[in-house]
Amino acid sequence: MEFVTAWLWYLLAFALGALVAWLVARATIEATNGNEAFADVPETRAIGGRE
């Protein structure tokens, strides 16, 4: 039973760490729309755009 308890603590720690990382990324990286996201990528075209 000790193994399961330890495993659950590690799972909880992983989930909390992932949540903190996601919150930090969300707070520091500003959102862009699809056109802005692909504007800086070389040799791409928007779906449904001109060819």
N, C-alpha and C. Protein backbone atom coordinates (compact mmCIF):
# COMPACT_ATOMS: atom_id res chain seq x y z
N MET A 1 0.81 -1.20 0.00
CA MET A 1 0.00 0.00 0.00
C MET A 1 0.86 1.26 0.00
N GLU A 2 2.05 1.17 0.55
CA GLU A 2 2.94 2.34 0.56
C GLU A 2 3.30 2.77 -0.86
N PHE A 3 3.46 1.79 -1.75
CA PHE A 3 3.81 2.11 -3.12
C PHE A 3 2.69 2.94 -3.78
N VAL A 4 1.45 2.54 -3.57
CA VAL A 4 0.32 3.25 -4.17
C VAL A 4 0.22 4.66 -3.62
N THR A 5 0.41 4.80 -2.32
CA THR A 5 0.35 6.12 -1.70
C THR A 5 1.45 7.02 -2.26
N ALA A 6 2.66 6.51 -2.35
CA ALA A 6 3.76 7.30 -2.90
C ALA A 6 3.49 7.65 -4.36
N TRP A 7 2.97 6.70 -5.12
CA TRP A 7 2.67 6.95 -6.52
C TRP A 7 1.62 8.05 -6.67
N LEU A 8 0.61 8.03 -5.82
CA LEU A 8 -0.42 9.07 -5.88
C LEU A 8 0.15 10.45 -5.53
N TRP A 9 1.06 10.50 -4.57
CA TRP A 9 1.72 11.78 -4.24
C TRP A 9 2.53 12.29 -5.43
N TYR A 10 3.27 11.39 -6.09
CA TYR A 10 4.04 11.81 -7.27
C TYR A 10 3.12 12.26 -8.39
N LEU A 11 2.00 11.58 -8.56
CA LEU A 11 1.04 11.98 -9.59
C LEU A 11 0.45 13.35 -9.28
N LEU A 12 0.12 13.59 -8.03
CA LEU A 12 -0.39 14.90 -7.62
C LEU A 12 0.66 15.99 -7.82
N ALA A 13 1.91 15.71 -7.47
CA ALA A 13 2.98 16.69 -7.66
C ALA A 13 3.18 17.00 -9.15
N PHE A 14 3.11 15.98 -9.98
CA PHE A 14 3.24 16.19 -11.43
C PHE A 14 2.11 17.06 -11.95
N ALA A 15 0.89 16.76 -11.53
CA ALA A 15 -0.27 17.53 -12.00
C ALA A 15 -0.18 18.98 -11.54
N LEU A 16 0.22 19.20 -10.31
CA LEU A 16 0.36 20.58 -9.83
C LEU A 16 1.48 21.32 -10.56
N GLY A 17 2.59 20.64 -10.82
CA GLY A 17 3.68 21.26 -11.57
C GLY A 17 3.27 21.61 -12.99
N ALA A 18 2.52 20.72 -13.62
CA ALA A 18 2.04 20.98 -14.98
C ALA A 18 1.07 22.16 -14.98
N LEU A 19 0.22 22.23 -13.96
CA LEU A 19 -0.71 23.35 -13.85
C LEU A 19 0.02 24.68 -13.66
N VAL A 20 1.02 24.69 -12.81
CA VAL A 20 1.80 25.92 -12.59
C VAL A 20 2.51 26.32 -13.88
N ALA A 21 3.10 25.37 -14.59
CA ALA A 21 3.79 25.68 -15.85
C ALA A 21 2.81 26.24 -16.87
N TRP A 22 1.62 25.67 -16.94
CA TRP A 22 0.62 26.15 -17.89
C TRP A 22 0.18 27.57 -17.53
N LEU A 23 -0.04 27.82 -16.25
CA LEU A 23 -0.45 29.16 -15.82
C LEU A 23 0.63 30.20 -16.10
N VAL A 24 1.89 29.85 -15.88
CA VAL A 24 2.98 30.78 -16.17
C VAL A 24 3.07 31.05 -17.67
N ALA A 25 2.95 29.99 -18.47
CA ALA A 25 3.00 30.17 -19.92
C ALA A 25 1.83 31.01 -20.40
N ARG A 26 0.67 30.78 -19.84
CA ARG A 26 -0.51 31.54 -20.25
C ARG A 26 -0.38 33.01 -19.87
N ALA A 27 0.25 33.28 -18.75
CA ALA A 27 0.38 34.66 -18.28
C ALA A 27 1.47 35.41 -19.04
N THR A 28 2.49 34.71 -19.54
CA THR A 28 3.62 35.39 -20.16
C THR A 28 3.58 35.42 -21.68
N ILE A 29 2.82 34.54 -22.30
CA ILE A 29 2.75 34.49 -23.77
C ILE A 29 1.41 35.02 -24.20
N GLU A 30 1.42 36.08 -24.99
CA GLU A 30 0.16 36.67 -25.42
C GLU A 30 -0.45 35.86 -26.55
N ALA A 31 -1.74 35.84 -26.57
CA ALA A 31 -2.48 35.07 -27.57
C ALA A 31 -2.41 35.76 -28.93
N THR A 32 -2.42 34.95 -29.97
CA THR A 32 -2.45 35.47 -31.34
C THR A 32 -3.55 34.74 -32.09
N ASN A 33 -3.98 35.35 -33.17
CA ASN A 33 -4.94 34.65 -34.01
C ASN A 33 -4.17 33.79 -35.02
N GLY A 34 -4.87 33.03 -35.82
CA GLY A 34 -4.23 32.12 -36.76
C GLY A 34 -3.33 32.81 -37.76
N ASN A 35 -3.74 33.96 -38.27
CA ASN A 35 -2.93 34.68 -39.26
C ASN A 35 -1.63 35.18 -38.65
N GLU A 36 -1.68 35.70 -37.43
CA GLU A 36 -0.46 36.17 -36.77
C GLU A 36 0.45 35.00 -36.42
N ALA A 37 -0.12 33.88 -36.08
CA ALA A 37 0.69 32.73 -35.69
C ALA A 37 1.51 32.21 -36.87
N PHE A 38 0.95 32.24 -38.07
CA PHE A 38 1.66 31.71 -39.23
C PHE A 38 2.39 32.78 -40.04
N ALA A 39 2.26 34.04 -39.67
CA ALA A 39 2.88 35.12 -40.45
C ALA A 39 4.40 35.06 -40.42
N ASP A 40 4.98 34.63 -39.29
CA ASP A 40 6.44 34.60 -39.16
C ASP A 40 7.06 33.28 -39.58
N VAL A 41 6.25 32.30 -39.94
CA VAL A 41 6.77 30.99 -40.33
C VAL A 41 7.07 31.01 -41.82
N PRO A 42 8.30 30.70 -42.22
CA PRO A 42 8.64 30.74 -43.65
C PRO A 42 7.96 29.60 -44.42
N GLU A 43 7.63 29.88 -45.65
CA GLU A 43 7.08 28.90 -46.59
C GLU A 43 5.83 28.22 -46.08
N THR A 44 4.90 28.99 -45.59
CA THR A 44 3.60 28.44 -45.21
C THR A 44 2.52 29.23 -45.90
N ARG A 45 1.37 28.64 -45.97
CA ARG A 45 0.22 29.35 -46.52
C ARG A 45 -0.97 29.02 -45.64
N ALA A 46 -1.86 29.96 -45.53
CA ALA A 46 -3.07 29.76 -44.73
C ALA A 46 -3.99 28.79 -45.46
N ILE A 47 -4.72 28.01 -44.72
CA ILE A 47 -5.67 27.09 -45.32
C ILE A 47 -6.79 27.91 -45.95
N GLY A 48 -7.07 27.64 -47.21
CA GLY A 48 -8.09 28.37 -47.92
C GLY A 48 -7.62 29.71 -48.45
N GLY A 49 -6.35 29.99 -48.29
CA GLY A 49 -5.80 31.26 -48.77
C GLY A 49 -5.43 31.17 -50.23
N ARG A 50 -4.83 32.23 -50.70
CA ARG A 50 -4.42 32.24 -52.11
C ARG A 50 -3.20 31.34 -52.30
N GLU A 51 -3.10 30.79 -53.47
CA GLU A 51 -2.00 29.85 -53.73
C GLU A 51 -0.94 30.45 -54.60
